[in-house]
């Protein structure tokens, strides 16, 4: 039986409120064309989308507390980093995904450390963005943080010593080339270890791997320096060689 006109209007209003509360995404980027393109992608996927061209405008708007924010890093009025710092001071900070063309490994590490859910490089495939947004709505709430930490530590425990050392370097912001030098391996070998590490962690992006490391408190400050394992092994070899060259007691 079809709805009457009043019931139909009421249902549409309820549906709009439900979608806005549960699946609201706010785009903050100074490029209007980019905002329109991303809004189209997200709207077609069923999300309620709004856009702002600068952080100050966003802060002045009456925006929903729940939802996800897609935030550009470099903007002329208020930078994405400045806005992020303001949002982090809220009692219940929103989920933030940085979408930028200016983030290298060091920047991505710092943003994840601060609490960003993901860092996506422009240009990107629509599926990459949609997967990140969907993951933001599936993120566990703060009260189960201890369970997340236990799970993250279990994931890291699956890594080999070499892969753990590699993860330590990535947490410290090291590039593949820097890791290759510190670990005395070729860049190609580092890339292979990194791919295997990501596979064992069950993730596809560096941001996801870093998130696991930070939740598990697997930080560069709490770990041995990258390359220390090889250095210690080399020291032991040298010490053994010197010991073998010493004359026995009572001789010579």
Protein backbone atom coordinates (compact mmCIF):
# COMPACT_ATOMS: atom_id res chain seq x y z
CA UNK A 1 0.00 0.00 0.00
CA UNK A 2 1.56 3.34 -1.03
CA UNK A 3 2.24 6.05 1.54
CA UNK A 4 -0.10 9.01 1.80
CA UNK A 5 1.45 12.39 0.95
CA UNK A 6 1.98 13.44 4.62
CA UNK A 7 3.48 10.05 5.53
CA UNK A 8 5.70 10.15 2.45
CA UNK A 9 7.02 13.60 3.38
CA UNK A 10 7.59 12.43 6.96
CA UNK A 11 9.46 9.35 5.75
CA UNK A 12 11.69 11.44 3.47
CA UNK A 13 12.45 13.82 6.35
CA UNK A 14 13.28 10.90 8.67
CA UNK A 15 15.47 9.35 5.98
CA UNK A 16 17.35 12.61 5.42
CA UNK A 17 17.99 13.04 9.15
CA UNK A 18 19.11 9.41 9.52
CA UNK A 19 21.51 9.58 6.60
CA UNK A 20 22.93 12.93 7.74
CA UNK A 21 23.56 11.69 11.26
CA UNK A 22 25.02 8.32 10.32
CA UNK A 23 26.83 8.96 7.02
CA UNK A 24 27.68 12.64 6.87
CA UNK A 25 30.90 13.60 5.07
CA UNK A 26 32.25 17.15 5.01
CA UNK A 27 34.81 18.14 2.38
CA UNK A 28 37.17 21.00 3.24
CA UNK A 29 39.29 22.08 0.28
CA UNK A 30 40.05 25.43 -1.36
CA UNK A 31 39.45 24.01 -4.87
CA UNK A 32 35.70 24.25 -5.67
CA UNK A 33 36.01 21.95 -8.70
CA UNK A 34 37.63 19.26 -6.58
CA UNK A 35 34.88 19.64 -3.97
CA UNK A 36 32.17 19.18 -6.60
CA UNK A 37 33.87 16.11 -8.07
CA UNK A 38 34.32 14.40 -4.69
CA UNK A 39 30.80 15.38 -3.64
CA UNK A 40 29.44 13.63 -6.73
CA UNK A 41 31.41 10.44 -5.98
CA UNK A 42 30.26 10.34 -2.35
CA UNK A 43 26.66 11.28 -3.09
CA UNK A 44 26.38 8.47 -5.62
CA UNK A 45 27.65 6.11 -2.90
CA UNK A 46 24.82 7.18 -0.57
CA UNK A 47 26.58 9.67 1.69
CA UNK A 48 25.21 13.04 2.78
CA UNK A 49 27.88 15.51 1.68
CA UNK A 50 28.66 19.15 2.42
CA UNK A 51 31.67 21.22 1.37
CA UNK A 52 33.61 24.24 2.63
CA UNK A 53 36.41 26.07 0.85
CA UNK A 54 38.30 27.04 4.01
CA UNK A 55 38.61 25.97 7.62
CA UNK A 56 37.26 29.19 9.10
CA UNK A 57 34.03 28.80 7.13
CA UNK A 58 33.68 25.23 8.38
CA UNK A 59 34.11 26.24 12.03
CA UNK A 60 31.40 28.91 11.69
CA UNK A 61 28.88 26.47 10.22
CA UNK A 62 26.48 24.37 12.29
CA UNK A 63 27.95 21.04 11.26
CA UNK A 64 27.00 17.59 12.63
CA UNK A 65 29.30 16.27 15.35
CA UNK A 66 29.26 12.76 13.90
CA UNK A 67 30.62 11.83 10.51
CA UNK A 68 33.84 12.12 8.58
CA UNK A 69 35.91 15.08 7.37
CA UNK A 70 37.98 15.01 4.18
CA UNK A 71 40.58 17.69 4.82
CA UNK A 72 43.08 19.31 2.48
CA UNK A 73 46.48 20.05 4.00
CA UNK A 74 47.49 23.24 2.17
CA UNK A 75 44.87 26.03 2.13
CA UNK A 76 45.44 29.81 1.97
CA UNK A 77 43.34 31.06 4.90
CA UNK A 78 43.59 28.34 7.55
CA UNK A 79 45.75 25.32 6.78
CA UNK A 80 44.42 21.81 7.21
CA UNK A 81 46.90 21.22 10.02
CA UNK A 82 45.70 24.32 11.91
CA UNK A 83 42.07 23.23 11.55
CA UNK A 84 42.94 19.70 12.64
CA UNK A 85 44.56 21.02 15.82
CA UNK A 86 41.36 22.95 16.59
CA UNK A 87 39.18 19.88 15.98
CA UNK A 88 41.36 17.74 18.25
CA UNK A 89 40.47 20.01 21.17
CA UNK A 90 36.79 19.12 20.90
CA UNK A 91 35.41 16.69 23.51
CA UNK A 92 34.60 14.22 20.72
CA UNK A 93 36.88 14.97 17.74
CA UNK A 94 35.49 13.95 14.34
CA UNK A 95 37.13 11.35 12.13
CA UNK A 96 39.55 13.14 9.80
CA UNK A 97 41.03 11.85 6.54
CA UNK A 98 43.64 14.07 4.90
CA UNK A 99 43.43 14.19 1.11
CA UNK A 100 46.39 16.14 -0.25
CA UNK A 101 49.06 16.36 -2.88
CA UNK A 102 51.64 17.68 -0.40
CA UNK A 103 52.15 14.79 2.05
CA UNK A 104 55.42 12.84 2.03
CA UNK A 105 56.18 9.97 4.41
CA UNK A 106 57.29 12.30 7.24
CA UNK A 107 54.09 14.35 7.01
CA UNK A 108 51.90 11.24 6.82
CA UNK A 109 53.57 9.82 9.93
CA UNK A 110 53.00 13.02 11.91
CA UNK A 111 49.35 13.28 10.86
CA UNK A 112 48.66 9.67 11.83
CA UNK A 113 50.43 10.23 15.16
CA UNK A 114 48.17 13.21 15.80
CA UNK A 115 45.06 11.12 15.20
CA UNK A 116 44.20 11.26 11.49
CA UNK A 117 42.53 8.08 10.29
CA UNK A 118 44.18 8.10 6.88
CA UNK A 119 46.28 10.17 4.49
CA UNK A 120 45.38 9.91 0.80
CA UNK A 121 47.58 11.30 -1.94
CA UNK A 122 46.09 13.26 -4.83
CA UNK A 123 45.33 12.16 -7.48
CA UNK A 124 43.56 9.04 -6.25
CA UNK A 125 41.17 6.37 -7.48
CA UNK A 126 37.55 6.80 -6.30
CA UNK A 127 37.61 3.33 -4.70
CA UNK A 128 40.57 4.37 -2.54
CA UNK A 129 38.58 7.31 -1.18
CA UNK A 130 35.35 5.35 -0.72
CA UNK A 131 37.16 2.57 1.16
CA UNK A 132 38.75 5.10 3.51
CA UNK A 133 35.44 6.87 4.17
CA UNK A 134 33.66 3.58 4.80
CA UNK A 135 36.43 2.53 7.19
CA UNK A 136 35.98 5.77 9.13
CA UNK A 137 32.35 4.89 9.87
CA UNK A 138 33.35 1.37 10.90
CA UNK A 139 36.08 2.55 13.29
CA UNK A 140 35.75 1.27 16.83
CA UNK A 141 34.69 3.85 19.43
CA UNK A 142 37.15 5.10 22.02
CA UNK A 143 35.95 2.84 24.92
CA UNK A 144 37.31 -0.27 23.18
CA UNK A 145 40.75 1.24 22.59
CA UNK A 146 42.38 -1.39 24.82
CA UNK A 147 40.93 -4.16 22.67
CA UNK A 148 42.29 -2.43 19.58
CA UNK A 149 45.71 -2.24 21.21
CA UNK A 150 45.66 -5.96 21.99
CA UNK A 151 44.68 -6.75 18.41
CA UNK A 152 47.34 -4.41 17.01
CA UNK A 153 50.05 -6.01 19.14
CA UNK A 154 48.92 -9.45 17.97
CA UNK A 155 49.22 -8.29 14.36
CA UNK A 156 52.74 -6.95 14.91
CA UNK A 157 53.72 -10.19 16.66
CA UNK A 158 53.20 -11.97 13.32
CA UNK A 159 56.06 -9.98 11.76
CA UNK A 160 59.56 -11.35 11.37
CA UNK A 161 62.41 -9.49 13.12
CA UNK A 162 63.36 -7.93 9.78
CA UNK A 163 59.79 -6.76 9.14
CA UNK A 164 59.51 -5.34 12.65
CA UNK A 165 62.72 -3.42 12.07
CA UNK A 166 61.30 -2.12 8.80
CA UNK A 167 58.09 -1.00 10.52
CA UNK A 168 60.16 0.82 13.14
CA UNK A 169 61.87 2.76 10.38
CA UNK A 170 58.58 3.66 8.70
CA UNK A 171 57.18 4.87 12.02
CA UNK A 172 60.28 7.05 12.31
CA UNK A 173 59.52 8.59 8.90
CA UNK A 174 62.30 6.86 6.96
CA UNK A 175 62.00 6.42 3.19
CA UNK A 176 62.74 3.16 1.38
CA UNK A 177 66.12 4.56 0.32
CA UNK A 178 67.03 5.54 3.89
CA UNK A 179 65.93 2.15 5.17
CA UNK A 180 68.04 0.43 2.53
CA UNK A 181 71.12 2.29 3.74
CA UNK A 182 70.42 1.71 7.44
CA UNK A 183 69.61 -1.97 7.00
CA UNK A 184 72.38 -2.59 4.44
CA UNK A 185 69.97 -3.86 1.82
CA UNK A 186 69.01 -2.80 -1.69
CA UNK A 187 65.95 -0.62 -2.23
CA UNK A 188 64.36 -3.51 -4.13
CA UNK A 189 64.86 -5.82 -1.14
CA UNK A 190 63.32 -3.22 1.17
CA UNK A 191 60.32 -2.96 -1.14
CA UNK A 192 59.88 -6.74 -1.01
CA UNK A 193 60.12 -6.78 2.81
CA UNK A 194 57.66 -3.89 2.99
CA UNK A 195 55.13 -5.67 0.76
CA UNK A 196 55.43 -8.83 2.87
CA UNK A 197 55.05 -6.80 6.07
CA UNK A 198 51.88 -5.12 4.78
CA UNK A 199 50.48 -8.50 3.78
CA UNK A 200 51.10 -9.98 7.24
CA UNK A 201 49.50 -6.96 8.89
CA UNK A 202 46.50 -7.36 6.60
CA UNK A 203 46.65 -3.79 5.28
CA UNK A 204 47.04 -2.13 1.90
CA UNK A 205 48.28 1.35 2.74
CA UNK A 206 51.15 2.82 4.74
CA UNK A 207 48.65 4.84 6.78
CA UNK A 208 46.92 1.63 7.91
CA UNK A 209 50.25 0.06 8.91
CA UNK A 210 51.24 3.17 10.87
CA UNK A 211 47.85 3.22 12.58
CA UNK A 212 48.43 -0.34 13.83
CA UNK A 213 51.90 0.63 15.06
CA UNK A 214 50.66 3.66 16.98
CA UNK A 215 47.70 1.84 18.54
CA UNK A 216 50.12 -0.86 19.72
CA UNK A 217 52.55 1.82 20.98
CA UNK A 218 55.10 0.38 18.57
CA UNK A 219 56.91 3.69 18.10
CA UNK A 220 60.44 4.46 17.02
CA UNK A 221 61.16 5.84 20.50
CA UNK A 222 60.25 2.50 22.12
CA UNK A 223 62.22 0.35 19.72
CA UNK A 224 65.84 -0.36 18.91
CA UNK A 225 67.34 1.86 16.18
CA UNK A 226 66.97 0.59 12.64
CA UNK A 227 70.10 -1.28 11.64
CA UNK A 228 71.02 -2.03 15.25
CA UNK A 229 70.44 -5.76 14.74
CA UNK A 230 72.92 -5.91 11.87
CA UNK A 231 75.31 -3.67 13.79
CA UNK A 232 75.21 -5.90 16.86
CA UNK A 233 75.73 -8.99 14.73
CA UNK A 234 78.72 -7.42 13.01
CA UNK A 235 80.19 -6.40 16.39
CA UNK A 236 79.81 -9.98 17.63
CA UNK A 237 81.56 -11.30 14.52
CA UNK A 238 84.42 -8.83 14.98
CA UNK A 239 84.71 -9.67 18.68
CA UNK A 240 84.83 -13.38 17.85
CA UNK A 241 87.52 -12.80 15.27
CA UNK A 242 89.65 -10.82 17.74
CA UNK A 243 89.21 -13.53 20.36
CA UNK A 244 90.35 -16.20 17.91
CA UNK A 245 93.47 -14.19 17.10
CA UNK A 246 94.56 -13.82 20.78
CA UNK A 247 97.25 -16.23 21.93
CA UNK A 248 96.21 -18.77 24.56
CA UNK A 249 97.15 -18.14 28.23
CA UNK A 250 100.79 -18.92 28.90
CA UNK A 251 101.88 -18.74 25.28
CA UNK A 252 104.04 -16.21 23.50
